N, C-alpha and C. Protein backbone atom coordinates (compact mmCIF):
# COMPACT_ATOMS: atom_id res chain seq x y z
N MET A 1 11.95 18.69 47.63
CA MET A 1 11.68 18.84 46.21
C MET A 1 11.59 17.86 44.85
N SER A 2 10.43 18.50 44.34
CA SER A 2 9.87 17.18 43.47
C SER A 2 10.46 17.27 42.60
N LEU A 3 10.37 16.04 42.13
CA LEU A 3 10.73 15.43 40.26
C LEU A 3 9.72 16.07 39.28
N SER A 4 9.98 16.41 38.26
CA SER A 4 8.85 17.08 37.73
C SER A 4 8.50 15.54 36.27
N PRO A 5 7.65 15.39 36.25
CA PRO A 5 7.47 14.55 35.52
C PRO A 5 7.61 14.29 33.88
N ASP A 6 7.64 13.27 33.74
CA ASP A 6 8.13 12.76 32.14
C ASP A 6 8.15 13.27 31.18
N VAL A 7 8.42 14.26 29.86
CA VAL A 7 7.90 14.73 28.93
C VAL A 7 8.00 14.28 27.62
N PRO A 8 6.85 13.39 27.02
CA PRO A 8 7.06 12.59 26.13
C PRO A 8 7.89 13.18 25.02
N ALA A 9 8.64 12.62 24.28
CA ALA A 9 9.65 12.65 23.40
C ALA A 9 8.86 13.03 21.89
N SER A 10 9.02 13.91 21.49
CA SER A 10 8.82 14.30 20.22
C SER A 10 8.84 13.20 18.93
N THR A 11 8.37 12.83 18.17
CA THR A 11 8.62 11.65 16.93
C THR A 11 10.39 12.23 15.93
N ARG A 12 9.98 13.83 15.94
CA ARG A 12 11.43 14.35 14.92
C ARG A 12 12.27 13.81 16.58
N LEU A 13 12.61 14.01 17.74
CA LEU A 13 13.51 13.50 19.16
C LEU A 13 13.99 12.64 18.03
N LYS A 14 12.91 11.12 18.44
CA LYS A 14 12.75 9.85 18.81
C LYS A 14 13.66 9.61 17.14
N LEU A 15 13.61 10.02 16.22
CA LEU A 15 14.21 9.76 14.87
C LEU A 15 15.75 10.00 14.98
N SER A 16 15.56 11.74 15.48
CA SER A 16 17.22 12.39 14.64
C SER A 16 18.09 11.29 16.13
N ALA A 17 17.54 11.10 17.39
CA ALA A 17 18.56 10.21 17.97
C ALA A 17 18.76 8.83 17.99
N ALA A 18 17.31 8.19 17.55
CA ALA A 18 17.55 7.30 16.60
C ALA A 18 19.14 7.21 15.84
N TRP A 19 19.37 7.99 14.81
CA TRP A 19 19.96 8.32 13.38
C TRP A 19 21.07 8.33 13.77
N ALA A 20 21.06 8.89 15.37
CA ALA A 20 22.59 9.73 16.53
C ALA A 20 23.18 7.90 17.10
N SER A 21 22.34 7.78 17.22
CA SER A 21 22.95 6.40 18.04
C SER A 21 23.80 5.34 16.96
N THR A 22 22.31 4.44 15.69
CA THR A 22 23.05 4.71 14.77
C THR A 22 24.28 4.83 14.18
N MET A 23 24.64 5.62 13.50
CA MET A 23 25.94 6.68 13.78
C MET A 23 27.15 6.22 14.65
N PHE A 24 26.76 6.06 15.40
CA PHE A 24 27.52 5.87 16.96
C PHE A 24 27.79 4.11 17.10
N CYS A 25 26.47 3.78 16.46
CA CYS A 25 27.64 2.24 16.26
C CYS A 25 28.11 1.63 15.01
N TYR A 26 27.97 2.17 14.08
CA TYR A 26 28.18 2.36 12.57
C TYR A 26 30.05 3.07 13.05
N LEU A 27 30.33 4.14 13.62
CA LEU A 27 31.63 4.50 13.97
C LEU A 27 32.46 3.42 15.22
N TYR A 28 31.43 3.10 15.93
CA TYR A 28 32.54 2.21 17.15
C TYR A 28 32.81 0.92 16.44
N CYS A 29 31.71 0.15 16.14
CA CYS A 29 32.39 -1.47 14.61
C CYS A 29 33.00 -0.39 13.81
N ASP A 30 33.55 0.32 13.17
CA ASP A 30 34.43 0.55 12.45
C ASP A 30 35.63 0.69 12.57
N TYR A 31 36.03 1.16 14.29
CA TYR A 31 36.84 1.73 14.59
C TYR A 31 37.94 0.03 15.43
N PHE A 32 36.58 -0.78 15.89
CA PHE A 32 37.14 -1.71 16.19
C PHE A 32 37.82 -3.04 15.16
N GLU A 33 37.10 -2.66 13.57
CA GLU A 33 37.05 -3.29 12.85
C GLU A 33 38.92 -3.34 12.47
N LEU A 34 39.20 -2.05 13.68
CA LEU A 34 40.44 -1.88 12.85
C LEU A 34 41.61 -3.14 13.69
N TYR A 35 40.98 -3.83 14.59
CA TYR A 35 42.20 -4.78 15.52
C TYR A 35 41.69 -5.83 14.30
N VAL A 36 40.96 -6.27 13.79
CA VAL A 36 40.78 -8.00 12.99
C VAL A 36 42.20 -7.50 12.67
N PRO A 37 42.44 -8.75 12.72
CA PRO A 37 43.92 -9.23 12.13
C PRO A 37 44.02 -9.38 10.22
N GLY A 38 45.46 -8.44 10.14
CA GLY A 38 45.17 -8.38 8.47
C GLY A 38 44.58 -6.89 8.22
N LYS A 39 43.52 -6.60 9.12
CA LYS A 39 42.64 -5.16 8.32
C LYS A 39 43.15 -3.82 8.01
N LEU A 40 44.48 -3.58 8.86
CA LEU A 40 44.86 -2.21 8.89
C LEU A 40 45.95 -2.75 7.83
N SER A 41 46.88 -4.01 7.18
CA SER A 41 47.56 -4.21 6.18
C SER A 41 46.85 -4.13 4.62
N ASP A 42 45.63 -4.84 4.84
CA ASP A 42 45.23 -4.39 3.88
C ASP A 42 44.80 -2.97 3.74
N MET A 43 44.44 -2.25 4.59
CA MET A 43 44.26 -0.90 3.84
C MET A 43 45.14 -0.17 3.75
N LEU A 44 46.32 -0.13 4.64
CA LEU A 44 47.84 0.60 3.74
C LEU A 44 48.15 -0.29 2.28
N GLN A 45 47.84 -1.04 1.63
CA GLN A 45 47.92 -1.89 0.78
C GLN A 45 46.87 -1.37 -0.32
N GLY A 46 45.65 -0.55 0.32
CA GLY A 46 44.69 0.02 -0.89
C GLY A 46 43.67 -0.96 -1.50
N ASP A 47 43.32 -1.88 -0.14
CA ASP A 47 41.94 -2.65 -0.41
C ASP A 47 40.98 -2.79 0.62
N MET A 48 39.77 -2.28 0.12
CA MET A 48 38.59 -2.19 1.18
C MET A 48 38.25 -3.94 0.74
N ALA A 49 37.98 -4.33 1.26
CA ALA A 49 37.04 -6.02 1.05
C ALA A 49 35.71 -5.84 1.93
N PRO A 50 35.11 -5.98 1.36
CA PRO A 50 34.79 -6.75 0.61
C PRO A 50 34.33 -5.86 -1.33
N LEU A 51 34.96 -4.71 -0.99
CA LEU A 51 34.58 -3.50 -2.25
C LEU A 51 35.99 -3.70 -3.06
N GLY A 52 37.56 -4.45 -2.36
CA GLY A 52 38.11 -4.07 -3.37
C GLY A 52 39.06 -2.90 -3.08
N PRO A 53 39.85 -3.01 -4.39
CA PRO A 53 41.09 -1.71 -4.78
C PRO A 53 40.15 -0.26 -4.24
N VAL A 54 40.88 0.54 -3.50
CA VAL A 54 40.37 1.51 -3.27
C VAL A 54 40.46 2.31 -4.24
N THR A 55 38.69 3.47 -4.26
CA THR A 55 39.73 4.64 -5.35
C THR A 55 38.71 5.40 -5.25
N GLN A 56 38.83 6.55 -6.63
CA GLN A 56 37.26 7.79 -6.01
C GLN A 56 36.79 7.53 -5.84
N GLY A 57 35.90 6.87 -7.04
CA GLY A 57 34.72 6.44 -6.61
C GLY A 57 34.15 5.10 -5.63
N VAL A 58 35.21 4.29 -4.72
CA VAL A 58 34.66 3.23 -3.86
C VAL A 58 34.68 4.57 -2.42
N LEU A 59 35.53 5.44 -2.25
CA LEU A 59 35.43 6.34 -1.44
C LEU A 59 34.78 7.78 -1.43
N LEU A 60 33.56 7.81 -2.69
CA LEU A 60 32.54 8.79 -2.39
C LEU A 60 31.61 7.33 -2.78
N GLY A 61 31.50 6.34 -2.53
CA GLY A 61 30.21 6.13 -2.49
C GLY A 61 30.39 5.57 -1.22
N THR A 62 31.42 5.30 -0.23
CA THR A 62 31.10 4.74 1.03
C THR A 62 30.94 5.96 1.82
N GLY A 63 30.89 7.39 1.21
CA GLY A 63 31.01 8.73 1.98
C GLY A 63 29.69 8.83 1.64
N ILE A 64 29.19 8.85 0.93
CA ILE A 64 27.66 8.80 0.76
C ILE A 64 26.83 8.24 1.27
N LEU A 65 27.08 6.90 1.24
CA LEU A 65 26.38 5.65 2.64
C LEU A 65 26.19 6.18 3.81
N MET A 66 27.23 7.04 4.10
CA MET A 66 27.87 7.31 5.57
C MET A 66 27.20 8.65 6.32
N LEU A 67 27.00 9.29 4.59
CA LEU A 67 26.51 11.05 4.87
C LEU A 67 25.20 10.98 5.18
N ILE A 68 24.74 9.99 4.89
CA ILE A 68 23.22 10.08 4.58
C ILE A 68 22.20 9.96 6.21
N PRO A 69 22.72 8.89 6.81
CA PRO A 69 22.16 8.96 8.12
C PRO A 69 22.67 10.36 8.66
N SER A 70 24.07 10.75 8.59
CA SER A 70 24.38 11.76 9.73
C SER A 70 24.00 12.65 9.03
N LEU A 71 23.60 13.08 8.20
CA LEU A 71 22.71 13.87 7.89
C LEU A 71 21.55 13.71 8.51
N LEU A 72 20.78 12.63 8.05
CA LEU A 72 19.26 12.14 9.02
C LEU A 72 19.47 12.69 10.53
N VAL A 73 19.79 12.66 11.33
CA VAL A 73 20.13 12.85 12.57
C VAL A 73 19.67 14.84 12.81
N PHE A 74 20.49 15.69 11.92
CA PHE A 74 19.93 16.64 11.61
C PHE A 74 18.04 17.27 10.42
N LEU A 75 18.08 16.92 10.06
CA LEU A 75 17.15 17.11 8.90
C LEU A 75 15.52 16.41 9.24
N SER A 76 16.10 15.62 10.04
CA SER A 76 15.07 14.85 11.01
C SER A 76 14.20 15.73 11.68
N VAL A 77 14.71 16.75 12.87
CA VAL A 77 14.51 17.88 13.22
C VAL A 77 14.54 19.07 12.22
N ALA A 78 15.08 19.46 11.21
CA ALA A 78 15.00 20.86 10.49
C ALA A 78 13.93 20.49 9.53
N LEU A 79 13.70 19.24 8.49
CA LEU A 79 12.72 19.95 7.67
C LEU A 79 11.00 19.41 8.12
N PRO A 80 10.07 19.96 7.09
CA PRO A 80 8.90 19.32 7.35
C PRO A 80 9.01 18.19 7.46
N ARG A 81 7.37 18.18 8.26
CA ARG A 81 7.11 16.37 8.94
C ARG A 81 7.38 15.46 7.84
N VAL A 82 6.40 15.95 6.09
CA VAL A 82 5.72 15.10 5.45
C VAL A 82 7.39 14.55 4.67
N ALA A 83 8.42 15.48 4.35
CA ALA A 83 9.25 14.73 4.15
C ALA A 83 10.49 14.35 4.85
N VAL A 84 10.79 14.62 6.30
CA VAL A 84 11.05 13.64 7.33
C VAL A 84 10.48 12.62 7.40
N ARG A 85 8.93 12.24 7.19
CA ARG A 85 7.88 10.84 7.08
C ARG A 85 9.10 10.23 6.57
N TRP A 86 8.58 10.19 4.88
CA TRP A 86 8.94 9.74 3.86
C TRP A 86 10.65 9.49 3.75
N LEU A 87 11.26 10.36 4.11
CA LEU A 87 13.36 10.04 4.11
C LEU A 87 13.07 9.19 5.47
N ASN A 88 13.07 8.92 6.02
CA ASN A 88 12.80 8.16 7.46
C ASN A 88 12.10 6.78 7.13
N VAL A 89 11.22 6.84 6.44
CA VAL A 89 10.56 5.22 6.02
C VAL A 89 11.92 4.82 5.14
N SER A 90 12.08 5.63 4.41
CA SER A 90 12.83 4.87 2.88
C SER A 90 14.35 4.70 3.25
N PHE A 91 14.95 5.45 3.99
CA PHE A 91 16.12 5.46 4.21
C PHE A 91 16.45 4.54 5.34
N GLY A 92 15.42 4.68 6.09
CA GLY A 92 15.64 3.25 7.47
C GLY A 92 15.22 1.72 6.53
N GLU A 93 15.03 1.74 5.81
CA GLU A 93 14.21 0.53 5.09
C GLU A 93 15.68 -0.15 4.42
N ILE A 94 16.20 1.21 3.11
CA ILE A 94 17.58 0.92 2.70
C ILE A 94 18.48 0.13 3.46
N TYR A 95 19.04 1.35 4.70
CA TYR A 95 19.69 1.07 5.53
C TYR A 95 19.58 -0.37 6.71
N SER A 96 18.64 -0.78 6.91
CA SER A 96 17.93 -2.15 7.33
C SER A 96 18.36 -3.62 6.65
N GLY A 97 18.17 -2.85 5.27
CA GLY A 97 18.86 -3.79 4.24
C GLY A 97 19.89 -4.11 4.02
N ILE A 98 20.72 -3.29 4.31
CA ILE A 98 22.22 -3.52 3.97
C ILE A 98 22.97 -3.50 5.44
N MET A 99 22.38 -3.45 6.72
CA MET A 99 22.52 -4.42 7.85
C MET A 99 22.59 -5.59 8.21
N ALA A 100 21.07 -6.09 7.23
CA ALA A 100 20.91 -7.35 6.94
C ALA A 100 21.69 -8.24 6.32
N LEU A 101 21.93 -7.73 5.29
CA LEU A 101 23.21 -8.02 4.23
C LEU A 101 24.60 -8.27 5.01
N LEU A 102 25.33 -7.50 5.99
CA LEU A 102 25.98 -7.23 6.65
C LEU A 102 26.52 -8.42 7.66
N PHE A 103 25.19 -8.27 8.40
CA PHE A 103 24.87 -9.54 9.79
C PHE A 103 25.22 -11.23 9.11
N VAL A 104 24.58 -11.18 7.42
CA VAL A 104 24.63 -12.23 6.76
C VAL A 104 26.76 -12.63 6.49
N MET A 105 27.91 -11.74 6.02
CA MET A 105 28.62 -11.86 5.49
C MET A 105 29.62 -11.27 6.67
N ALA A 106 29.16 -10.84 7.86
CA ALA A 106 30.11 -11.10 9.00
C ALA A 106 30.37 -11.99 9.24
N GLY A 107 31.62 -12.69 9.60
CA GLY A 107 32.40 -13.46 10.03
C GLY A 107 32.57 -12.98 11.63
N TRP A 108 33.15 -12.14 12.15
CA TRP A 108 33.10 -11.45 13.10
C TRP A 108 32.13 -11.26 14.06
N TRP A 109 31.84 -12.01 15.88
CA TRP A 109 31.14 -12.08 16.19
C TRP A 109 30.71 -10.36 16.60
N PHE A 110 31.57 -9.25 16.89
CA PHE A 110 31.45 -8.59 17.02
C PHE A 110 30.66 -7.55 16.40
N TYR A 111 31.36 -7.92 14.57
CA TYR A 111 30.21 -7.19 13.40
C TYR A 111 28.96 -7.71 13.64
N LYS A 112 28.87 -8.93 14.14
CA LYS A 112 27.32 -9.43 13.93
C LYS A 112 26.59 -8.67 15.07
N LEU A 113 27.22 -8.59 15.67
CA LEU A 113 26.06 -8.01 17.15
C LEU A 113 25.48 -6.08 16.87
N PHE A 114 26.76 -5.60 16.11
CA PHE A 114 26.51 -4.12 15.37
C PHE A 114 25.91 -3.89 14.77
N ALA A 115 25.67 -5.03 13.43
CA ALA A 115 24.85 -5.17 12.57
C ALA A 115 23.37 -5.48 13.31
N ALA A 116 23.71 -6.21 13.88
CA ALA A 116 21.76 -6.28 14.61
C ALA A 116 21.44 -5.09 14.93
N VAL A 117 21.94 -4.35 15.89
CA VAL A 117 21.80 -3.28 16.49
C VAL A 117 22.10 -2.87 15.86
N GLU A 118 22.07 -1.94 15.07
CA GLU A 118 21.71 -0.89 14.07
C GLU A 118 20.87 -1.24 12.84
N MET A 119 20.18 -2.99 12.69
CA MET A 119 19.48 -3.12 12.37
C MET A 119 18.10 -2.81 12.52
N LEU A 120 18.39 -3.01 14.67
CA LEU A 120 17.19 -3.27 14.70
C LEU A 120 16.79 -1.64 14.88
N LEU A 121 17.49 -0.76 14.74
CA LEU A 121 17.43 0.85 15.46
C LEU A 121 16.79 1.50 13.80
N THR A 122 17.29 0.63 12.93
CA THR A 122 16.97 1.15 11.41
C THR A 122 15.14 0.79 11.47
N VAL A 123 15.04 -0.54 11.79
CA VAL A 123 13.19 -0.63 11.62
C VAL A 123 12.89 -0.04 12.73
N TYR A 124 13.45 0.57 13.75
CA TYR A 124 12.84 1.48 14.56
C TYR A 124 12.56 2.44 13.74
N ILE A 125 13.25 3.09 13.99
CA ILE A 125 13.11 4.50 12.64
C ILE A 125 12.66 4.48 11.61
N THR A 126 12.44 3.19 10.22
CA THR A 126 10.99 3.13 9.84
C THR A 126 10.42 2.84 10.27
N TRP A 127 9.54 1.94 11.19
CA TRP A 127 8.38 1.91 12.06
C TRP A 127 8.59 3.32 12.65
N THR A 128 8.63 4.48 12.91
CA THR A 128 8.40 5.07 13.78
C THR A 128 7.90 6.15 13.47
N ALA A 129 8.67 6.31 11.62
CA ALA A 129 7.77 7.34 10.41
C ALA A 129 7.21 6.81 9.83
N TRP A 130 6.55 5.35 9.95
CA TRP A 130 5.91 5.10 9.37
C TRP A 130 4.20 5.70 9.78
N ARG A 131 4.17 5.09 10.96
CA ARG A 131 3.49 5.70 12.39
C ARG A 131 3.09 6.38 12.47
N TRP A 132 4.44 7.36 11.93
CA TRP A 132 3.71 8.96 12.87
C TRP A 132 2.57 9.64 11.86
N SER A 133 1.65 10.45 12.74
CA SER A 133 0.38 10.52 12.80
C SER A 133 0.98 12.17 12.50
N GLU A 134 0.07 13.30 11.63
CA GLU A 134 0.45 14.66 12.20
C GLU A 134 0.12 14.79 13.63
N SER A 135 -1.27 14.66 14.70
CA SER A 135 -1.69 14.32 15.77
C SER A 135 -0.16 14.13 16.91
N ARG A 136 0.90 12.97 16.32
CA ARG A 136 1.92 13.35 17.49
C ARG A 136 3.12 13.72 16.89
């Protein structure tokens, strides 16, 4: 029995998989953050540091912040190439900047680790989308 040769993954699939990996990192980091002493009590008191008190606006903004990469998992394979390319370049840069800021602000090592990995993933997304030509 012979193994089939590796089939190169399309750019769309690479972008989609990178956004999915980024989302898993977001989820696991947020889960681990629940173990930081005082985090749950702050949440129960309605404090969403560093954003301050929980309001509908804060939760809506946070929801949008997480909705965009969630949708990019799907949109990277569903939209036309030009739209996919520019969405990934734009949001890859934005989320890389956010992760760089969080890396600097984070006090806990696990948070810095996740921010660094998330930043590497979103830089990869930006770079891959930027270099994407019609022939790939």
